[in-house]
């Protein structure tokens, strides 16, 4: 649609409202305002209009202001108590230093709008100015009691250090690009880092574009405080009852808890099995004379659930070679792997100390093996206070056993 047609027919420009649901209360906690153009034939999104930087600034500003005005007026007329999320273009706002924008906001405050209900969404990766100007803008807005949200994180490549520097109140994680029902493992790791960072800076995670059940599960599992997407509620022209999605979410949460509980139980069962088998394998070998022979002995007893076995000392230096299961199902021994140091691995020292104190083995989280390039788990077990066996468990075994992934 031509930009001039939109500007010349502003009466067809209307706000749509997409609900945002809280994880803790399962109620609608806010609405994002989305621009739509509605004529006799169809209703279309105005997102391409706002994203097109070739459209004159005054056109985009005019339409943005109209959408915000209609939404805020409706919000006040209905005496709503939820949050209202407004998408903004900070470049447009700062073109005149922000004076016009903040004058408009003040006028709504005079009509009863509490700034504590207002959330301004901006896209850091679309901001064309110096990042320090965006930082100053966010700080100024927050000083007024208005919350800020960084939008489209996940769909863009916003570095973690920039998120920390900008220090928003809400980080919106886009799950829309994961539409094939698969979640790249690297994305899981990056999201874990984002979750940790958000907790440290006091920001809440809002997962948007949740369009399928598995995306909702993914968001729930990775620290979402808020949910948004067509799987729960599509954009519409009116507000909804706060508890519209509560029953559905509570049922889903119960299913998620059951699934995760079964996974934990299965992992405990696997840990117990490995512990018993390793205890038997090293029963009279706490001070082995031939470490390579012991490694192969342990490996042979775990052939059904392991593809690699090796021994390390307290400092992380590999004392044995690798017992490695080849494609024919026979153990090969890689002497050249001796003396590698693994103390640089995350949690290595913590696990060594825990094994010494607790006198039991530890099952790792899933991670990507650098040689096989597949997701595996490792079980580590203390032979004595300076010798530990590491058992790598392949993805195929984990996949075959329900709930181990």
Protein backbone atom coordinates (compact mmCIF):
# COMPACT_ATOMS: atom_id res chain seq x y z
CA UNK A 1 0.00 0.00 0.00
CA UNK A 2 1.28 3.43 -0.94
CA UNK A 3 2.38 5.57 2.02
CA UNK A 4 0.56 8.61 0.66
CA UNK A 5 -2.71 6.65 0.53
CA UNK A 6 -2.31 5.85 4.23
CA UNK A 7 -1.63 9.46 5.17
CA UNK A 8 -4.49 10.77 3.01
CA UNK A 9 -6.92 8.28 4.54
CA UNK A 10 -6.05 8.57 8.22
CA UNK A 11 -9.64 7.75 9.15
CA UNK A 12 -8.83 4.16 8.17
CA UNK A 13 -5.88 3.95 10.56
CA UNK A 14 -6.82 2.21 13.82
CA UNK A 15 -5.05 0.62 16.79
CA UNK A 16 -5.23 -3.10 17.46
CA UNK A 17 -4.45 -4.52 20.90
CA UNK A 18 -2.55 -7.75 21.51
CA UNK A 19 -2.75 -9.13 25.06
CA UNK A 20 0.34 -9.78 27.16
CA UNK A 21 -0.17 -12.43 29.83
CA UNK A 22 1.74 -12.74 33.09
CA UNK A 23 3.29 -16.05 34.07
CA UNK A 24 2.70 -15.63 37.78
CA UNK A 25 -1.01 -14.80 37.75
CA UNK A 26 -1.92 -16.14 34.29
CA UNK A 27 -3.95 -12.99 33.68
CA UNK A 28 -3.71 -10.31 31.03
CA UNK A 29 -1.25 -7.81 32.43
CA UNK A 30 -0.99 -5.52 29.43
CA UNK A 31 -1.64 -4.83 25.75
CA UNK A 32 0.69 -3.94 22.92
CA UNK A 33 -0.69 -1.30 20.57
CA UNK A 34 -0.31 -2.32 16.92
CA UNK A 35 -1.15 -0.15 13.91
CA UNK A 36 -3.68 -1.37 11.34
CA UNK A 37 -5.18 0.06 8.14
CA UNK A 38 -8.78 -0.99 7.73
CA UNK A 39 -10.93 -0.42 4.65
CA UNK A 40 -13.99 -2.13 3.25
CA UNK A 41 -11.97 -5.03 1.86
CA UNK A 42 -9.35 -5.92 4.47
CA UNK A 43 -7.34 -5.05 7.57
CA UNK A 44 -3.57 -4.94 7.11
CA UNK A 45 -0.62 -4.34 9.41
CA UNK A 46 1.17 -1.00 9.27
CA UNK A 47 4.48 -2.48 10.39
CA UNK A 48 6.00 -2.25 6.86
CA UNK A 49 4.97 1.42 6.75
CA UNK A 50 6.81 2.22 9.99
CA UNK A 51 9.87 0.17 9.03
CA UNK A 52 10.32 1.88 5.67
CA UNK A 53 12.87 4.62 6.30
CA UNK A 54 12.33 5.99 2.78
CA UNK A 55 8.90 7.28 3.86
CA UNK A 56 9.22 10.89 5.06
CA UNK A 57 9.59 11.25 8.81
CA UNK A 58 6.59 13.54 9.10
CA UNK A 59 4.34 10.87 7.54
CA UNK A 60 5.51 8.17 9.93
CA UNK A 61 5.31 10.48 12.92
CA UNK A 62 1.79 11.58 12.01
CA UNK A 63 0.44 8.04 11.71
CA UNK A 64 2.26 6.89 14.87
CA UNK A 65 0.75 9.76 16.85
CA UNK A 66 -2.73 8.99 15.55
CA UNK A 67 -2.50 5.33 16.58
CA UNK A 68 -1.16 6.22 20.02
CA UNK A 69 -3.83 8.87 20.52
CA UNK A 70 -6.69 6.51 19.70
CA UNK A 71 -5.26 3.72 21.86
CA UNK A 72 -4.58 5.92 24.89
CA UNK A 73 -7.97 7.62 24.61
CA UNK A 74 -9.70 4.24 24.51
CA UNK A 75 -7.53 3.02 27.39
CA UNK A 76 -8.58 5.99 29.53
CA UNK A 77 -12.25 5.82 28.54
CA UNK A 78 -12.39 2.16 29.58
CA UNK A 79 -10.58 2.89 32.88
CA UNK A 80 -8.12 0.08 32.23
CA UNK A 81 -5.56 -0.86 34.87
CA UNK A 82 -3.24 -2.99 32.71
CA UNK A 83 0.03 -1.90 31.15
CA UNK A 84 -0.13 -0.38 27.68
CA UNK A 85 2.84 -0.93 25.38
CA UNK A 86 3.53 1.69 22.70
CA UNK A 87 5.97 1.06 19.87
CA UNK A 88 8.12 4.10 19.27
CA UNK A 89 10.81 5.20 16.83
CA UNK A 90 13.39 6.92 19.03
CA UNK A 91 15.07 8.49 15.99
CA UNK A 92 11.81 10.30 15.19
CA UNK A 93 11.31 11.36 18.79
CA UNK A 94 14.81 12.76 19.17
CA UNK A 95 14.67 14.66 15.87
CA UNK A 96 13.51 17.71 17.89
CA UNK A 97 15.14 16.67 21.13
CA UNK A 98 11.99 14.85 22.27
CA UNK A 99 10.14 18.03 23.24
CA UNK A 100 7.02 17.37 21.17
CA UNK A 101 6.79 13.72 22.26
CA UNK A 102 7.00 14.46 25.97
CA UNK A 103 4.51 17.31 25.70
CA UNK A 104 2.02 14.84 24.19
CA UNK A 105 2.62 12.33 26.97
CA UNK A 106 2.10 15.02 29.60
CA UNK A 107 -1.25 15.90 28.08
CA UNK A 108 -2.45 12.31 28.55
CA UNK A 109 -1.21 12.37 32.12
CA UNK A 110 -3.40 15.42 32.72
CA UNK A 111 -6.36 13.33 31.54
CA UNK A 112 -5.68 10.57 34.04
CA UNK A 113 -2.98 8.38 32.47
CA UNK A 114 -0.62 6.99 35.09
CA UNK A 115 2.90 6.78 33.71
CA UNK A 116 3.36 3.61 35.75
CA UNK A 117 0.97 1.88 33.30
CA UNK A 118 2.98 2.98 30.25
CA UNK A 119 5.69 0.91 28.51
CA UNK A 120 7.65 2.32 25.59
CA UNK A 121 9.04 -0.27 23.19
CA UNK A 122 12.05 0.50 21.04
CA UNK A 123 14.31 -1.54 18.79
CA UNK A 124 17.95 -0.99 19.63
CA UNK A 125 19.12 -2.48 16.32
CA UNK A 126 17.03 0.01 14.33
CA UNK A 127 18.27 3.06 16.22
CA UNK A 128 20.52 5.08 13.92
CA UNK A 129 22.06 7.46 16.44
CA UNK A 130 24.85 6.99 18.94
CA UNK A 131 23.99 4.33 21.53
CA UNK A 132 24.67 6.79 24.34
CA UNK A 133 21.75 8.93 23.11
CA UNK A 134 19.45 5.93 23.33
CA UNK A 135 20.81 5.22 26.82
CA UNK A 136 20.10 8.82 27.87
CA UNK A 137 16.58 8.63 26.42
CA UNK A 138 15.82 5.41 28.33
CA UNK A 139 17.15 6.85 31.57
CA UNK A 140 15.08 9.99 31.15
CA UNK A 141 11.91 8.04 30.42
CA UNK A 142 12.51 5.78 33.44
CA UNK A 143 13.00 8.86 35.65
CA UNK A 144 9.43 9.85 34.72
CA UNK A 145 8.11 6.52 36.02
CA UNK A 146 7.62 5.10 32.52
CA UNK A 147 8.91 1.60 31.79
CA UNK A 148 10.98 0.73 28.75
CA UNK A 149 11.22 -2.44 26.70
CA UNK A 150 13.85 -3.54 24.20
CA UNK A 151 11.93 -5.17 21.38
CA UNK A 152 12.83 -7.94 18.95
CA UNK A 153 15.72 -9.41 20.93
CA UNK A 154 16.38 -12.86 19.52
CA UNK A 155 15.18 -11.90 16.06
CA UNK A 156 18.08 -9.44 15.96
CA UNK A 157 21.70 -9.68 17.04
CA UNK A 158 21.62 -7.35 20.03
CA UNK A 159 24.81 -8.02 22.05
CA UNK A 160 24.37 -8.77 25.73
CA UNK A 161 26.68 -5.94 26.72
CA UNK A 162 24.43 -3.44 24.91
CA UNK A 163 21.37 -4.76 26.73
CA UNK A 164 23.22 -4.37 30.03
CA UNK A 165 24.34 -0.87 29.04
CA UNK A 166 20.83 0.27 28.08
CA UNK A 167 19.31 -1.37 31.20
CA UNK A 168 15.66 -1.62 30.09
CA UNK A 169 12.83 -2.71 32.35
CA UNK A 170 11.64 -5.42 29.95
CA UNK A 171 13.47 -7.49 27.32
CA UNK A 172 11.22 -8.85 24.57
CA UNK A 173 12.52 -12.11 23.13
CA UNK A 174 11.24 -12.92 19.65
CA UNK A 175 10.38 -16.59 19.08
CA UNK A 176 8.73 -15.95 15.72
CA UNK A 177 11.72 -16.96 13.64
CA UNK A 178 11.68 -20.42 15.27
CA UNK A 179 8.64 -21.43 13.30
CA UNK A 180 9.83 -24.90 12.27
CA UNK A 181 9.30 -26.23 15.80
CA UNK A 182 13.04 -26.67 16.33
CA UNK A 183 15.26 -24.67 18.63
CA UNK A 184 18.95 -24.45 17.65
CA UNK A 185 21.05 -25.50 20.60
CA UNK A 186 23.25 -22.42 20.34
CA UNK A 187 20.10 -20.34 20.74
CA UNK A 188 19.28 -22.18 23.95
CA UNK A 189 22.71 -21.33 25.34
CA UNK A 190 22.45 -17.69 24.28
CA UNK A 191 19.01 -17.46 25.84
CA UNK A 192 20.32 -18.88 29.09
CA UNK A 193 22.93 -16.11 29.14
CA UNK A 194 20.23 -13.54 28.41
CA UNK A 195 18.10 -14.89 31.25
CA UNK A 196 21.02 -14.63 33.68
CA UNK A 197 21.80 -11.09 32.51
CA UNK A 198 18.17 -9.98 32.80
CA UNK A 199 18.05 -11.21 36.36
CA UNK A 200 21.19 -9.28 37.23
CA UNK A 201 19.96 -5.96 35.79
CA UNK A 202 16.43 -6.42 37.12
CA UNK A 203 14.73 -6.73 33.72
CA UNK A 204 11.77 -9.01 33.03
CA UNK A 205 11.70 -11.37 30.05
CA UNK A 206 8.72 -11.12 27.71
CA UNK A 207 8.56 -13.80 25.03
CA UNK A 208 6.67 -12.62 21.96
CA UNK A 209 5.50 -14.29 18.74
CA UNK A 210 4.50 -17.43 20.63
CA UNK A 211 2.49 -19.03 17.87
CA UNK A 212 2.72 -22.72 18.81
CA UNK A 213 2.50 -24.91 21.89
CA UNK A 214 6.20 -25.83 21.89
CA UNK A 215 7.15 -22.14 21.83
CA UNK A 216 5.03 -21.55 24.93
CA UNK A 217 6.78 -24.46 26.66
CA UNK A 218 10.16 -23.06 25.60
CA UNK A 219 9.29 -19.62 27.00
CA UNK A 220 7.99 -21.07 30.28
CA UNK A 221 11.13 -23.15 30.70
CA UNK A 222 13.48 -20.24 30.03
CA UNK A 223 12.30 -17.71 32.56
CA UNK A 224 9.45 -15.86 30.87
CA UNK A 225 7.61 -13.43 33.12
CA UNK A 226 5.27 -12.46 30.28
CA UNK A 227 3.86 -14.28 27.24
CA UNK A 228 2.60 -12.82 23.98
CA UNK A 229 1.59 -14.40 20.69
CA UNK A 230 -1.20 -15.72 18.52
CA UNK A 231 -1.19 -19.09 20.30
CA UNK A 232 -2.69 -17.28 23.28
CA UNK A 233 -4.31 -14.14 21.94
CA UNK A 234 -4.37 -12.46 18.54
CA UNK A 235 -4.48 -8.68 18.05
CA UNK A 236 -8.03 -7.32 18.20
CA UNK A 237 -9.77 -3.97 18.34
CA UNK A 238 -11.02 -4.32 21.92
CA UNK A 239 -9.91 -5.25 25.41
CA UNK A 240 -10.58 -8.68 26.94
CA UNK A 241 -11.45 -9.99 30.36
CA UNK A 242 -8.26 -10.28 32.42
CA UNK A 243 -8.74 -13.99 33.07
CA UNK A 244 -9.45 -14.99 29.45
CA UNK A 245 -6.40 -17.24 29.19
CA UNK A 246 -5.99 -18.29 32.83
CA UNK A 247 -7.59 -21.73 32.57
CA UNK A 248 -5.67 -22.64 29.40
CA UNK A 249 -2.35 -21.51 30.84
CA UNK A 250 -2.86 -23.33 34.12
CA UNK A 251 -3.52 -26.56 32.24
CA UNK A 252 -0.41 -26.04 30.12
CA UNK A 253 1.69 -25.24 33.19
CA UNK A 254 0.50 -28.44 34.82
CA UNK A 255 1.50 -30.39 31.69
CA UNK A 256 4.90 -28.68 31.66
CA UNK A 257 5.48 -29.51 35.32
CA UNK A 258 4.53 -33.15 34.76
CA UNK A 259 6.90 -33.39 31.79
CA UNK A 260 9.81 -31.76 33.64
CA UNK A 261 9.15 -33.91 36.73
CA UNK A 262 9.38 -37.07 34.63
CA UNK A 263 12.63 -35.82 33.10
CA UNK A 264 14.15 -35.17 36.53
CA UNK A 265 13.03 -38.57 37.78
CA UNK A 266 14.58 -40.25 34.72
CA UNK A 267 17.85 -38.37 35.19
CA UNK A 268 17.98 -39.43 38.85
CA UNK A 269 17.35 -43.01 37.77
CA UNK A 270 20.16 -42.81 35.21
CA UNK A 271 22.51 -41.31 37.80
CA UNK A 272 21.66 -44.08 40.25
CA UNK A 273 22.27 -46.76 37.60
CA UNK A 274 25.64 -45.31 36.63
CA UNK A 275 26.67 -44.91 40.24
CA UNK A 276 25.94 -48.55 41.07
CA UNK A 277 27.69 -49.89 37.97
CA UNK A 278 30.76 -47.71 38.44
CA UNK A 279 30.97 -48.51 42.13
CA UNK A 280 31.08 -52.17 41.22
CA UNK A 281 33.59 -51.61 38.40
CA UNK A 282 36.11 -49.80 40.62
CA UNK A 283 35.35 -51.66 43.84
CA UNK A 284 38.88 -52.95 44.38
CA UNK A 285 40.67 -50.49 42.11
CA UNK A 286 40.84 -47.28 44.15
CA UNK A 287 44.62 -47.18 43.61
CA UNK A 288 45.08 -48.69 40.15
CA UNK A 289 48.51 -49.69 38.94
CA UNK A 290 47.50 -49.53 35.27
CA UNK A 291 45.14 -46.63 34.56
CA UNK A 292 44.75 -47.52 30.88
CA UNK A 293 43.67 -51.05 31.76
CA UNK A 294 41.18 -49.66 34.29
CA UNK A 295 39.76 -47.25 31.71
CA UNK A 296 39.09 -50.05 29.23
CA UNK A 297 37.66 -52.21 32.03
CA UNK A 298 35.18 -49.47 32.96
CA UNK A 299 34.33 -48.78 29.32
CA UNK A 300 33.55 -52.42 28.61
CA UNK A 301 31.07 -52.49 31.47
CA UNK A 302 29.28 -49.40 30.12
CA UNK A 303 29.20 -50.32 26.44
CA UNK A 304 25.41 -50.08 26.26
CA UNK A 305 25.26 -46.40 27.29
CA UNK A 306 28.61 -44.75 26.63
CA UNK A 307 30.79 -43.92 23.65
CA UNK A 308 33.83 -42.49 25.47
CA UNK A 309 35.49 -43.03 28.85
CA UNK A 310 38.59 -41.38 30.33
CA UNK A 311 40.15 -40.55 33.71
CA UNK A 312 41.34 -37.17 35.05
CA UNK A 313 43.09 -36.03 38.19
CA UNK A 314 42.08 -33.24 40.60
CA UNK A 315 43.87 -30.61 38.47
CA UNK A 316 41.98 -31.58 35.34
CA UNK A 317 44.84 -33.36 33.58
CA UNK A 318 43.79 -36.49 31.72
CA UNK A 319 45.61 -39.46 33.23
CA UNK A 320 44.35 -42.03 30.75
CA UNK A 321 43.81 -42.17 27.05
CA UNK A 322 40.30 -42.20 25.61
CA UNK A 323 38.41 -45.44 25.37
CA UNK A 324 36.32 -44.62 22.28
CA UNK A 325 33.56 -46.78 20.78
CA UNK A 326 33.94 -47.06 17.01
CA UNK A 327 31.17 -47.51 14.44
CA UNK A 328 31.54 -51.30 14.59
CA UNK A 329 30.87 -51.27 18.33
CA UNK A 330 34.43 -52.03 19.39
CA UNK A 331 36.47 -50.04 21.89
CA UNK A 332 39.49 -48.24 20.47
CA UNK A 333 42.09 -46.72 22.77
CA UNK A 334 43.50 -43.29 22.00
CA UNK A 335 46.77 -42.98 23.94
CA UNK A 336 47.46 -39.56 22.38
CA UNK A 337 44.67 -38.01 24.45
CA UNK A 338 46.69 -38.31 27.66
CA UNK A 339 47.67 -35.13 29.53
CA UNK A 340 44.93 -32.96 28.06
CA UNK A 341 43.69 -30.48 30.63
CA UNK A 342 39.95 -29.95 31.12
CA UNK A 343 39.96 -27.57 34.09
CA UNK A 344 38.92 -24.71 31.78
CA UNK A 345 35.51 -26.29 31.32
CA UNK A 346 32.61 -24.59 33.14
CA UNK A 347 31.76 -26.26 36.46
CA UNK A 348 34.82 -28.57 36.36
CA UNK A 349 36.25 -27.39 39.68
CA UNK A 350 32.81 -27.18 41.31
CA UNK A 351 32.03 -30.76 40.28
CA UNK A 352 35.39 -32.05 41.54
CA UNK A 353 34.84 -30.42 44.94
CA UNK A 354 31.27 -31.70 45.11
CA UNK A 355 32.34 -35.25 44.29
CA UNK A 356 34.98 -35.15 47.02
CA UNK A 357 32.55 -33.86 49.64
CA UNK A 358 29.42 -35.81 48.63
CA UNK A 359 31.27 -38.99 47.63
CA UNK A 360 29.02 -39.54 44.63
CA UNK A 361 28.90 -38.92 40.89
CA UNK A 362 27.38 -36.01 38.96
CA UNK A 363 25.38 -36.01 35.71
CA UNK A 364 26.00 -32.95 33.53
CA UNK A 365 23.48 -30.86 31.66
CA UNK A 366 23.16 -31.36 27.93
CA UNK A 367 25.98 -29.79 25.94
CA UNK A 368 27.48 -30.07 22.46
CA UNK A 369 30.48 -32.38 22.18
CA UNK A 370 33.28 -30.66 20.25
CA UNK A 371 34.31 -33.87 18.47
CA UNK A 372 30.99 -35.55 17.67
CA UNK A 373 29.17 -32.22 17.22
CA UNK A 374 26.06 -33.59 18.90
CA UNK A 375 24.31 -33.08 22.21
CA UNK A 376 25.54 -35.38 24.98
CA UNK A 377 25.74 -35.66 28.75
CA UNK A 378 28.75 -36.61 30.85
CA UNK A 379 28.68 -38.54 34.10
CA UNK A 380 31.67 -38.03 36.39
CA UNK A 381 32.46 -40.33 39.31
CA UNK A 382 35.19 -40.27 42.01
CA UNK A 383 37.52 -43.26 42.12
CA UNK A 384 39.60 -41.69 44.88
CA UNK A 385 40.41 -38.15 46.03
CA UNK A 386 42.64 -37.50 43.03
CA UNK A 387 41.20 -39.68 40.27
CA UNK A 388 37.85 -39.31 38.53
CA UNK A 389 36.22 -41.19 35.70
CA UNK A 390 34.27 -39.35 33.01
CA UNK A 391 31.65 -41.22 31.01
CA UNK A 392 30.25 -39.56 27.88
CA UNK A 393 26.68 -40.62 27.02
CA UNK A 394 25.59 -40.28 23.36
CA UNK A 395 22.53 -38.47 22.10
CA UNK A 396 21.15 -41.72 20.63
CA UNK A 397 20.92 -43.29 24.09
CA UNK A 398 19.39 -40.17 25.62
CA UNK A 399 16.88 -39.97 22.80
CA UNK A 400 15.82 -43.59 23.24
CA UNK A 401 15.17 -43.05 26.96
CA UNK A 402 12.10 -40.95 27.54
CA UNK A 403 12.55 -37.63 29.36
CA UNK A 404 16.36 -37.74 29.47
CA UNK A 405 16.61 -34.78 27.07
